[in-house]
Protein backbone atom coordinates (compact mmCIF):
# COMPACT_ATOMS: atom_id res chain seq x y z
CA MET A 1 -34.04 -230.00 101.28
CA LEU A 2 -37.55 -228.84 103.17
CA ALA A 3 -40.44 -231.13 103.30
CA GLY A 4 -43.86 -229.60 101.83
CA ARG A 5 -47.27 -231.74 102.31
CA ILE A 6 -50.30 -230.58 102.31
CA ARG A 7 -52.25 -232.08 105.67
CA PRO A 8 -54.81 -234.13 104.58
CA SER A 9 -58.91 -234.21 105.75
CA ALA A 10 -57.91 -234.86 109.27
CA ASP A 11 -56.17 -231.60 109.89
CA PRO A 12 -58.19 -230.31 112.26
CA LEU A 13 -58.50 -226.72 110.39
CA GLU A 14 -59.74 -228.54 107.68
CA GLN A 15 -62.54 -230.26 110.30
CA MET A 16 -63.56 -227.34 112.40
CA GLY A 17 -67.46 -226.72 111.27
CA ASP A 18 -67.26 -222.98 114.05
CA VAL A 19 -66.12 -220.11 111.27
CA ASN A 20 -64.84 -217.64 114.08
CA GLN A 21 -62.90 -220.58 115.27
CA ARG A 22 -61.71 -221.63 112.31
CA VAL A 23 -60.95 -218.03 111.06
CA GLU A 24 -59.01 -217.50 114.55
CA GLU A 25 -56.82 -220.94 113.95
CA LEU A 26 -56.01 -219.63 110.45
CA ARG A 27 -54.95 -216.62 111.89
CA LYS A 28 -52.88 -217.92 114.50
CA ARG A 29 -50.70 -219.95 112.65
CA VAL A 30 -50.03 -217.37 110.29
CA LEU A 31 -48.32 -215.69 113.05
CA ALA A 32 -46.49 -218.56 114.19
CA TYR A 33 -45.09 -219.63 110.34
CA LEU A 34 -43.87 -215.55 110.35
CA GLU A 35 -41.66 -216.30 113.52
CA HIS A 36 -39.77 -218.46 111.03
CA GLY A 37 -40.03 -217.53 107.46
CA ALA A 38 -42.29 -215.84 105.06
CA VAL A 39 -46.14 -217.09 104.67
CA ILE A 40 -48.04 -217.54 100.95
CA LEU A 41 -51.78 -217.04 100.96
CA LEU A 42 -54.60 -217.44 98.70
CA PHE A 43 -57.59 -216.02 99.29
CA ASP A 44 -61.56 -216.27 97.14
CA ALA A 45 -61.18 -212.98 95.40
CA ARG A 46 -64.96 -212.51 95.51
CA HIS A 47 -65.81 -213.35 98.72
CA PRO A 48 -68.61 -211.41 100.08
CA ASP A 49 -66.38 -209.76 103.05
CA ASN A 50 -63.27 -208.20 101.69
CA ASN A 51 -63.09 -204.99 100.84
CA GLY A 52 -60.31 -202.24 99.02
CA LEU A 53 -59.61 -204.39 96.26
CA PRO A 54 -58.89 -202.85 92.56
CA VAL A 55 -61.93 -201.83 91.55
CA ARG A 56 -60.45 -203.07 88.09
CA MET A 57 -59.94 -206.18 89.22
CA ASP A 58 -61.43 -209.42 88.33
CA SER A 59 -59.61 -212.09 89.04
CA HIS A 60 -60.91 -214.68 91.18
CA VAL A 61 -57.70 -215.45 93.98
CA VAL A 62 -55.68 -212.83 95.26
CA ARG A 63 -52.07 -215.04 96.73
CA VAL A 64 -50.87 -212.09 99.13
CA GLU A 65 -46.73 -213.23 99.99
CA ILE A 66 -45.60 -211.73 103.73
CA ALA A 67 -42.27 -211.82 104.60
CA ASP A 68 -43.00 -210.88 108.23
CA SER A 69 -44.99 -209.81 110.27
CA GLU A 70 -44.59 -205.84 109.88
CA ASP A 71 -44.04 -206.36 106.52
CA PHE A 72 -47.37 -203.57 105.48
CA VAL A 73 -49.25 -205.84 107.12
CA ASP A 74 -52.10 -204.70 110.60
CA TRP A 75 -52.95 -207.39 112.69
CA SER A 76 -55.46 -204.88 114.93
CA ASP A 77 -58.78 -206.73 112.62
CA ARG A 78 -59.31 -210.02 113.56
CA ARG A 79 -61.65 -210.78 111.36
CA ALA A 80 -59.78 -209.65 108.85
CA LEU A 81 -55.90 -208.94 107.11
CA LEU A 82 -55.58 -205.70 106.56
CA ILE A 83 -52.57 -204.87 103.62
CA THR A 84 -50.96 -202.27 102.04
CA TYR A 85 -50.40 -202.70 98.85
CA LEU A 86 -49.37 -200.95 95.74
CA ASP A 87 -52.53 -200.14 93.01
CA GLU A 88 -52.08 -198.19 89.65
CA ASN A 89 -48.31 -197.15 91.48
CA ARG A 90 -50.01 -195.96 94.70
CA PRO A 91 -50.52 -197.37 98.36
CA ALA A 92 -54.05 -198.78 98.57
CA GLN A 93 -55.24 -201.38 101.15
CA ALA A 94 -57.64 -204.07 101.49
CA GLN A 95 -59.66 -205.90 104.48
CA LEU A 96 -59.03 -209.46 103.03
CA ALA A 97 -61.54 -211.78 104.81
CA TRP A 98 -60.17 -214.84 106.78
CA SER A 99 -62.96 -216.42 105.57
CA ALA A 100 -62.37 -215.97 102.36
CA ALA A 101 -58.41 -217.45 102.84
CA PHE A 102 -58.75 -221.02 101.58
CA TYR A 103 -54.42 -221.38 101.05
CA LEU A 104 -52.07 -221.27 103.74
CA ARG A 105 -48.00 -221.90 103.26
CA GLY A 106 -45.47 -221.50 105.70
CA LYS A 107 -42.78 -222.86 108.33
CA SER A 108 -43.04 -224.61 111.01
CA GLY A 109 -39.71 -224.68 111.76
CA PRO A 110 -36.59 -223.58 110.42
CA GLN A 111 -36.28 -226.77 107.55
CA ARG A 112 -39.93 -227.82 107.52
CA VAL A 113 -42.38 -226.25 105.44
CA GLU A 114 -46.64 -226.69 106.20
CA ALA A 115 -49.12 -226.40 103.57
CA HIS A 116 -52.94 -225.92 104.69
CA LEU A 117 -55.75 -226.57 102.02
CA VAL A 118 -59.31 -225.64 103.85
CA PRO A 119 -62.26 -227.85 101.99
CA SER A 120 -64.56 -225.57 102.99
CA GLN A 121 -63.45 -222.23 101.72
CA VAL A 122 -62.81 -223.31 98.58
CA PRO A 123 -63.94 -220.91 96.16
CA VAL A 124 -66.87 -221.76 93.64
CA CYS A 125 -64.67 -220.70 90.33
CA PHE A 126 -63.02 -224.43 90.88
CA GLU A 127 -66.45 -225.73 90.14
CA PRO A 128 -66.85 -228.87 88.45
CA HIS A 129 -64.79 -231.18 90.67
CA ARG A 130 -62.96 -228.57 93.51
CA LEU A 131 -60.60 -229.60 95.34
CA ALA A 132 -59.04 -231.94 92.13
CA ASN A 133 -58.72 -228.62 90.10
CA VAL A 134 -57.62 -226.75 93.41
CA GLU A 135 -54.67 -228.65 92.96
CA ARG A 136 -54.05 -228.45 90.03
CA CYS A 137 -53.82 -224.69 90.62
CA LEU A 138 -51.68 -225.49 93.80
CA ASN A 139 -49.24 -227.48 91.30
CA GLN A 140 -49.42 -225.40 88.25
CA MET A 141 -48.49 -221.87 90.70
CA GLY A 142 -45.41 -224.30 92.77
CA LEU A 143 -47.84 -224.24 95.77
CA GLY A 144 -49.22 -227.90 95.62
CA ARG A 145 -47.21 -231.46 96.25
CA ALA A 146 -46.50 -231.84 92.56
CA ARG A 147 -44.11 -229.68 90.22
CA PRO A 148 -45.86 -227.68 87.51
CA GLY A 149 -46.72 -230.32 84.24
CA ALA A 150 -46.23 -233.27 86.84
CA ALA A 151 -48.46 -236.53 86.71
CA GLU A 152 -52.01 -236.05 87.65
CA TRP A 153 -52.88 -239.71 89.97
CA ASN A 154 -56.87 -239.48 90.10
CA LEU A 155 -57.38 -242.63 91.76
CA ASN A 156 -61.29 -242.21 92.17
CA VAL A 157 -63.27 -245.17 92.57
CA ALA A 158 -66.63 -245.59 92.35
CA PRO A 159 -68.45 -248.50 94.62
CA HIS A 160 -70.36 -250.08 92.20
CA VAL A 161 -66.40 -250.76 90.49
CA LEU A 162 -64.99 -252.40 93.07
CA ALA A 163 -68.34 -254.65 93.55
CA GLU A 164 -67.52 -258.70 92.95
CA ASP A 165 -69.05 -258.83 89.89
CA ALA A 166 -68.30 -255.80 88.12
CA ASP A 167 -66.37 -255.81 84.78
CA ARG A 168 -62.65 -255.99 85.04
CA ALA A 169 -61.90 -256.37 81.63
CA GLY A 170 -60.07 -252.75 81.81
CA TRP A 171 -57.40 -253.59 84.90
CA CYS A 172 -54.36 -254.67 84.86
CA ALA A 173 -52.99 -256.53 88.15
CA ASP A 174 -48.98 -257.51 86.84
CA LYS A 175 -46.84 -254.25 87.17
CA PRO A 176 -44.55 -255.29 84.29
CA ALA A 177 -47.28 -255.87 81.66
CA ALA A 178 -48.52 -252.39 82.27
CA VAL A 179 -45.26 -251.04 81.88
CA GLN A 180 -44.46 -252.84 78.45
CA GLN A 181 -48.51 -251.95 77.49
CA LEU A 182 -47.34 -248.36 77.78
CA LEU A 183 -44.05 -248.61 76.32
CA GLU A 184 -45.08 -250.39 73.40
CA GLY A 185 -48.04 -247.48 72.99
CA PRO A 186 -48.35 -244.36 70.77
CA GLY A 187 -46.29 -242.29 74.10
CA GLN A 188 -43.94 -245.20 74.00
CA ARG A 189 -43.65 -243.87 77.53
CA ALA A 190 -44.83 -244.82 81.23
CA VAL A 191 -44.88 -242.33 84.17
CA VAL A 192 -44.54 -245.26 87.21
CA LEU A 193 -45.39 -243.03 91.03
CA ILE A 194 -42.61 -244.46 93.12
CA ASP A 195 -42.44 -244.82 97.06
CA THR A 196 -38.87 -244.48 97.72
CA SER A 197 -39.10 -244.05 101.33
CA HIS A 198 -37.86 -246.88 102.52
CA GLY A 199 -34.29 -246.84 101.07
CA ASP A 200 -33.95 -249.31 98.32
CA VAL A 201 -34.73 -247.67 95.31
CA VAL A 202 -31.78 -246.54 93.22
CA ALA A 203 -30.46 -243.71 91.79
CA PRO A 204 -28.26 -241.41 90.86
CA PRO A 205 -27.46 -238.83 93.59
CA GLY A 206 -29.83 -235.72 93.63
CA PHE A 207 -32.26 -238.15 91.87
CA VAL A 208 -34.72 -238.76 95.59
CA THR A 209 -35.36 -235.63 97.27
CA HIS A 210 -38.63 -236.76 98.87
CA SER A 211 -40.64 -239.92 100.67
CA HIS A 212 -42.07 -240.60 96.87
CA GLU A 213 -41.45 -239.58 93.24
CA GLU A 214 -42.18 -239.48 89.72
CA TRP A 215 -39.60 -240.88 86.95
CA GLN A 216 -40.36 -241.09 83.21
CA VAL A 217 -39.18 -244.17 81.62
CA GLY A 218 -39.12 -244.54 77.78
CA ALA A 219 -38.89 -247.29 74.83
CA VAL A 220 -36.48 -244.74 72.85
CA LEU A 221 -33.65 -242.74 73.23
CA PRO A 222 -32.33 -241.42 75.87
CA TRP A 223 -33.62 -244.61 77.45
CA GLN A 224 -31.93 -247.82 77.75
CA ALA A 225 -31.48 -251.82 78.28
CA VAL A 226 -34.95 -251.64 80.20
CA THR A 227 -35.73 -254.36 82.10
CA LEU A 228 -39.30 -255.75 83.16
CA SER A 229 -37.73 -259.13 84.40
CA GLY A 230 -36.64 -259.90 87.56
CA PRO A 231 -37.63 -258.36 91.39
CA ALA A 232 -37.19 -254.33 89.60
CA LEU A 233 -38.23 -252.59 86.89
CA ARG A 234 -34.40 -250.82 85.37
CA TRP A 235 -33.25 -249.15 82.83
CA ARG A 236 -30.15 -246.61 82.08
CA GLU A 237 -30.53 -243.04 80.94
CA GLY A 238 -28.09 -241.81 78.39
CA GLN A 239 -25.84 -238.36 79.54
CA GLN A 240 -22.59 -237.52 78.24
CA ALA A 241 -21.01 -237.23 81.50
CA GLY A 242 -22.15 -241.32 81.22
CA PRO A 243 -24.93 -243.41 81.78
CA LEU A 244 -27.51 -243.05 84.97
CA GLU A 245 -28.81 -246.21 86.36
CA PHE A 246 -31.66 -246.54 88.04
CA ALA A 247 -33.39 -249.80 89.79
CA VAL A 248 -36.70 -249.67 90.88
CA PRO A 249 -38.25 -252.61 93.31
CA TRP A 250 -41.85 -253.71 92.12
CA LYS A 251 -43.30 -253.45 95.54
CA ARG A 252 -42.28 -249.37 95.63
CA ILE A 253 -44.62 -248.99 92.69
CA GLY A 254 -47.95 -247.41 92.72
CA ALA A 255 -49.54 -246.95 89.47
CA VAL A 256 -48.57 -246.09 86.57
CA GLN A 257 -49.25 -243.64 83.43
CA ASP A 258 -49.03 -242.69 79.92
CA PRO A 259 -47.98 -239.42 79.74
CA LEU A 260 -49.77 -238.52 77.08
CA SER A 261 -53.28 -239.78 77.12
CA GLY A 262 -52.93 -240.45 81.04
CA ARG A 263 -54.26 -243.90 80.52
CA GLY A 264 -52.86 -246.23 83.74
CA TRP A 265 -53.27 -248.54 86.60
CA PHE A 266 -52.44 -248.01 90.58
CA TRP A 267 -52.14 -250.36 93.09
CA PRO A 268 -53.67 -249.50 96.00
CA ALA A 269 -51.46 -251.04 98.75
CA ASP A 270 -48.27 -250.01 97.15
CA LEU A 271 -49.27 -246.64 97.16
CA PRO A 272 -46.85 -244.21 98.67
CA ALA A 273 -48.08 -242.53 101.98
CA GLN A 274 -49.42 -239.55 100.82
CA MET A 275 -51.38 -240.57 98.46
CA ALA A 276 -52.59 -243.94 100.54
CA ASN A 277 -53.34 -241.85 103.26
CA ALA A 278 -56.21 -239.55 101.36
CA LEU A 279 -58.22 -242.73 99.80
CA GLU A 280 -57.99 -244.03 103.46
CA GLN A 281 -60.68 -240.93 104.50
CA LEU A 282 -62.70 -242.75 102.11
CA GLY A 283 -64.25 -245.05 104.36
CA ASP A 284 -66.88 -247.09 102.34
CA VAL A 285 -64.19 -247.86 99.60
CA TRP A 286 -60.83 -248.11 101.29
CA PRO A 287 -61.21 -251.08 102.50
CA VAL A 288 -62.20 -253.35 100.02
CA LEU A 289 -59.42 -251.02 97.36
CA GLN A 290 -56.62 -251.79 99.65
CA ARG A 291 -57.03 -255.57 98.29
CA MET A 292 -57.24 -255.04 94.52
CA THR A 293 -55.07 -254.58 91.86
CA GLY A 294 -54.58 -253.01 89.00
CA VAL A 295 -57.21 -250.86 89.08
CA PRO A 296 -57.49 -248.15 86.11
CA LEU A 297 -56.94 -244.18 86.75
CA ALA A 298 -59.89 -242.18 86.04
CA ASP A 299 -60.11 -239.58 83.87
CA LYS A 300 -58.71 -236.53 84.83
CA PRO A 301 -61.04 -233.83 86.25
CA PRO A 302 -62.61 -231.42 83.86
CA THR A 303 -60.99 -228.11 84.18
CA PRO A 304 -62.94 -225.21 86.28
CA SER A 305 -65.64 -224.11 84.18
CA GLU A 306 -63.89 -220.65 83.81
CA ASN A 307 -60.94 -218.91 83.08
CA LEU A 308 -59.16 -218.49 86.79
CA LYS A 309 -57.22 -215.57 86.86
CA ILE A 310 -55.07 -214.60 89.78
CA THR A 311 -53.65 -211.66 91.05
CA GLY A 312 -50.94 -211.08 93.31
CA LEU A 313 -50.99 -207.39 95.93
CA SER A 314 -47.87 -206.35 95.83
CA PRO A 315 -46.30 -204.17 98.36
CA PRO A 316 -44.97 -200.24 98.29
CA ARG A 317 -41.18 -200.37 98.41
CA PRO A 318 -39.92 -200.25 101.78
CA ASP A 319 -38.18 -197.63 103.36
CA SER A 320 -34.69 -198.28 102.53
CA LYS A 321 -32.77 -200.78 100.26
CA ARG A 322 -31.13 -202.36 103.60
CA ARG A 323 -34.88 -203.17 104.54
CA ALA A 324 -36.19 -204.50 101.16
CA LEU A 325 -33.41 -207.10 100.31
CA GLU A 326 -33.87 -208.28 103.69
CA ARG A 327 -37.72 -208.29 103.12
CA LEU A 328 -37.07 -210.00 99.65
CA VAL A 329 -34.54 -212.70 100.64
CA ARG A 330 -37.41 -213.87 103.43
CA LEU A 331 -39.94 -214.59 100.57
CA GLY A 332 -37.57 -216.42 98.58
CA THR A 333 -34.86 -216.25 95.38
CA THR A 334 -34.28 -212.58 95.12
CA VAL A 335 -32.60 -210.98 91.90
CA VAL A 336 -30.52 -207.72 92.61
CA LEU A 337 -29.40 -205.32 89.06
CA VAL A 338 -26.16 -204.12 90.23
CA ASP A 339 -24.38 -201.20 88.26
CA THR A 340 -21.08 -203.74 88.11
CA ARG A 341 -18.76 -199.90 87.34
CA HIS A 342 -19.30 -198.71 90.68
CA PRO A 343 -16.42 -199.04 93.23
CA GLY A 344 -16.77 -201.11 95.96
CA VAL A 345 -18.26 -204.21 93.89
CA GLU A 346 -17.20 -207.27 94.36
CA LEU A 347 -18.08 -210.00 91.96
CA PRO A 348 -17.14 -212.74 89.82
CA ALA A 349 -13.75 -212.07 87.58
CA GLN A 350 -14.19 -213.77 84.50
CA LEU A 351 -16.91 -211.61 83.36
CA PRO A 352 -16.51 -209.72 80.04
CA GLY A 353 -15.93 -206.11 79.79
CA ARG A 354 -18.76 -205.09 78.47
CA VAL A 355 -21.05 -206.11 81.10
CA TRP A 356 -21.73 -203.76 83.23
CA LEU A 357 -25.02 -204.40 84.39
CA MET A 358 -25.87 -207.73 85.91
CA MET A 359 -27.74 -209.34 87.59
CA VAL A 360 -27.45 -211.06 91.36
CA PRO A 361 -29.66 -214.09 91.80
CA LEU A 362 -29.39 -215.22 95.48
CA GLY A 363 -30.63 -217.57 97.60
CA LEU A 364 -30.95 -219.74 94.13
CA PRO A 365 -31.98 -223.45 95.20
CA ASN A 366 -28.69 -225.65 96.91
CA LEU A 367 -27.09 -222.86 97.23
CA ASP A 368 -26.46 -221.04 100.86
CA PRO A 369 -29.19 -218.67 101.15
CA GLN A 370 -27.83 -216.49 104.02
CA VAL A 371 -27.32 -212.73 102.96
CA ALA A 372 -24.96 -210.11 105.51
CA THR A 373 -25.99 -206.78 105.21
CA SER A 374 -25.34 -203.54 106.51
CA ALA A 375 -25.59 -199.51 106.15
CA GLN A 376 -22.68 -199.82 103.03
CA GLY A 377 -24.50 -202.71 100.92
CA PHE A 378 -24.63 -206.76 100.99
CA THR A 379 -22.85 -210.27 100.77
CA GLY A 380 -23.45 -213.13 99.59
CA GLN A 381 -23.21 -215.73 96.70
CA MET A 382 -23.80 -216.57 93.56
CA PRO A 383 -23.21 -219.06 90.44
CA ASP A 384 -20.23 -217.49 87.66
CA HIS A 385 -21.20 -218.31 83.68
CA ASP A 386 -19.68 -221.49 84.51
CA GLY A 387 -21.55 -222.65 87.71
CA LYS A 388 -18.93 -222.04 90.44
CA VAL A 389 -20.28 -220.48 93.25
CA VAL A 390 -18.42 -216.88 94.17
CA PRO A 391 -18.75 -214.60 97.10
CA VAL A 392 -20.10 -210.93 96.05
CA HIS A 393 -20.15 -208.48 97.73
CA VAL A 394 -22.37 -204.84 96.75
CA PRO A 395 -22.85 -201.49 97.96
CA TRP A 396 -25.88 -199.95 98.00
CA GLN A 397 -25.20 -197.39 95.74
CA ALA A 398 -24.96 -199.99 92.62
CA VAL A 399 -28.17 -201.23 92.67
CA MET A 400 -31.24 -199.79 90.82
CA LEU A 401 -34.09 -202.75 90.85
CA MET A 402 -34.62 -205.49 93.01
CA ALA A 403 -37.22 -208.46 92.52
CA SER A 404 -38.65 -211.69 93.88
CA THR A 405 -38.76 -214.42 91.43
CA GLY A 406 -42.19 -214.59 91.85
CA GLY A 407 -42.65 -211.72 90.31
CA LEU A 408 -45.37 -209.80 93.55
CA SER A 409 -42.68 -207.39 94.69
CA VAL A 410 -40.23 -205.54 92.41
CA CYS A 411 -38.51 -202.65 94.12
CA VAL A 412 -37.24 -199.73 91.69
CA TRP A 413 -34.64 -196.77 92.46
CA GLU A 414 -35.32 -194.38 89.39
CA GLN A 415 -32.52 -191.97 90.96
CA ASP A 416 -29.63 -194.54 90.16
CA PHE A 417 -30.84 -195.88 87.09
CA PRO A 418 -27.34 -195.61 84.56
CA GLU A 419 -27.58 -192.55 82.15
CA GLU A 420 -27.35 -195.34 79.35
CA ILE A 421 -30.69 -196.79 81.14
CA VAL A 422 -31.93 -193.45 81.58
CA GLN A 423 -30.86 -192.47 77.70
CA ALA A 424 -32.86 -195.86 76.78
CA LEU A 425 -36.13 -194.71 78.41
CA HIS A 426 -36.10 -191.81 76.64
CA VAL A 427 -35.88 -192.59 73.37
CA LEU A 428 -37.96 -195.41 73.89
CA SER A 429 -40.65 -192.82 75.15
CA ALA A 430 -39.70 -190.51 72.45
CA ALA A 431 -40.74 -193.31 70.18
CA GLN A 432 -44.45 -193.04 70.95
CA ASP A 433 -45.48 -190.95 68.78
CA ARG A 434 -43.61 -191.71 65.86
CA ARG A 435 -43.70 -195.10 65.54
CA ASP A 436 -42.78 -195.76 62.05
CA VAL A 437 -39.05 -194.43 61.75
CA ALA A 438 -38.62 -195.17 65.68
CA PRO A 439 -37.72 -198.17 67.32
CA SER A 440 -39.96 -199.75 70.20
CA VAL A 441 -36.94 -202.18 71.50
CA HIS A 442 -33.19 -200.63 72.65
CA THR A 443 -30.49 -202.97 73.36
CA LEU A 444 -27.97 -201.89 74.96
CA PHE A 445 -25.97 -204.90 74.36
CA ASP A 446 -26.59 -208.33 72.64
CA ARG A 447 -24.90 -212.08 73.46
CA GLU A 448 -25.05 -212.49 70.03
CA PRO A 449 -21.49 -211.67 69.13
CA THR A 450 -19.28 -213.63 71.78
CA GLY A 451 -21.80 -216.15 72.75
CA ASP A 452 -21.50 -215.36 76.13
CA GLY A 453 -24.94 -215.68 76.82
CA LEU A 454 -25.08 -211.67 78.22
CA GLY A 455 -28.35 -209.55 77.16
CA LEU A 456 -29.29 -206.29 77.86
CA SER A 457 -32.58 -204.42 76.10
CA LEU A 458 -35.50 -201.90 76.87
CA GLU A 459 -39.08 -202.75 75.58
CA CYS A 460 -41.76 -200.11 75.27
CA ASP A 461 -45.52 -201.69 74.31
CA ASP A 462 -47.51 -199.87 72.73
CA GLU A 463 -49.58 -198.92 75.92
CA GLY A 464 -46.19 -196.65 76.86
CA LYS A 465 -44.94 -199.44 79.45
CA PHE A 466 -41.47 -200.28 79.56
CA ALA A 467 -40.02 -203.62 80.25
CA LEU A 468 -35.86 -204.28 80.74
CA HIS A 469 -34.77 -207.94 79.44
CA VAL A 470 -31.70 -209.57 80.68
CA SER A 471 -29.98 -212.75 80.29
CA GLN A 472 -26.74 -214.03 81.97
CA PRO A 473 -25.93 -217.54 82.54
CA ILE A 474 -25.19 -219.21 85.86
CA SER A 475 -23.67 -222.88 84.51
CA LYS A 476 -22.61 -225.25 81.99
CA VAL A 477 -24.17 -227.28 80.64
CA PRO A 478 -23.39 -230.66 78.16
CA ALA A 479 -23.81 -229.84 74.17
CA PRO A 480 -26.08 -231.17 72.72
CA PRO A 481 -24.96 -234.44 70.65
CA GLY A 482 -23.35 -234.27 67.28
CA SER A 483 -22.04 -230.73 68.36
CA PRO A 484 -18.47 -229.08 66.62
CA PRO A 485 -15.63 -229.70 69.20
CA GLY A 486 -15.05 -227.00 71.59
CA THR A 487 -19.46 -225.89 71.50
CA GLN A 488 -20.20 -223.96 75.15
CA VAL A 489 -23.43 -224.01 76.33
CA ARG A 490 -24.55 -222.29 79.36
CA ALA A 491 -28.03 -222.04 81.11
CA LEU A 492 -29.16 -218.70 81.38
CA LEU A 493 -31.38 -217.26 84.03
CA GLU A 494 -33.33 -214.80 81.87
CA LEU A 495 -36.01 -212.39 83.72
CA ALA A 496 -37.64 -209.38 82.41
CA PHE A 497 -38.62 -206.09 84.38
CA ALA A 498 -41.27 -203.41 84.47
CA LEU A 499 -39.49 -200.07 84.29
CA PRO A 500 -41.14 -196.64 85.46
CA PRO A 501 -40.92 -194.03 82.92
CA PRO A 502 -37.91 -192.14 82.39
CA PRO A 503 -36.58 -189.82 85.36
CA THR A 504 -37.47 -185.60 83.85
CA HIS A 505 -34.44 -184.14 85.66
């Protein structure tokens, strides 16, 4: 598992007062990270030193993903990143000032991910509470310290709250009492912030993946047998395959929170290191704070005053399918659309016979990310409909589309569209002038008749833009309680891809 982190303010990159020095360090780090993998950068879209961005773009933030040092990027200008991108399907070049870059994420080694936030360059669009809002935005994009939708632990404390004569009426020093209050409250749940770095937290395999975790415990099903007495918080979660057992020593709990209201408390001395390190920077507060217990969490900071818009720059399609796939796999999880009828295609044998176009996902989490390419095609592995990992081999002639799951890079080869796709595009294109009698959706095969989860359809919106929607199972999941015997449920991979207008040949 890769370890990701946003470095605290002690990072030299954030302390550099000289802009030229900081810009040069940013540039050097990007080049160093590209030796191990892709880099993600966020820029202030409205920085005055940017040039070449789309005239119609009204975004606040520009997101750039770079696969390697040759990836449509020119490094000759030491003041700006020169990147070629698609503007209305035509190549254009933008100059993004390094002094506008406020976030950088990349690998410092094969198994080490680093992330850097440069507070002095964070755009003003995140005001008020600029740093809290940029971290919230990073979490929503899957780039921050927490998962999307995770609890926000607002540990802000004003010095006067810690004074000897301060009102402590809203504090809760006793952790079991704090959890009990939330379990008896309207939400009947508590999110628990846990320091898992000591190895004494008991949980099923796969639940502990980082040095700290955020788990929920509740007073209603599926939570059972919640025990607040003794040296640890214990509970079970009922699952069809059997109950899951949890035991968290009270010493390892740094905070608790109601996930609905955000109300909660924290115990500074027991916080996970990541949170404690940030508080240690508050020299006038931390020495007093770490002697306190049951400090109320502050209200969540106000969201940005503007409705933030983030735009990603998509690079042009590489010259070959081989180069395109190598680039996308380096960026992360990749999906390839394959016409299974081509000779040489080797896919899971148990696929329904009616499936002639399917997604091959590569680099899924917990799977071997290695993909072998040659002049003839590629070889990798994917989960079949039951979740079993199977090898696949696909010749390039069978590939019509590749895309990163991040959505910034989609490569389409119109000349290799199957005839069914071409016909559907023409049907929908012709429907634009007579919507009263012609459909805006064309179903090529539907998942309803057999219940296997497979589906493929084309859609056309009012502006004449086309999208291909694909649904495909990737594993079995337990049937809901009370389902009839024999009920099968599958986890689906459902994606949509933008397509160009139909070929005119």
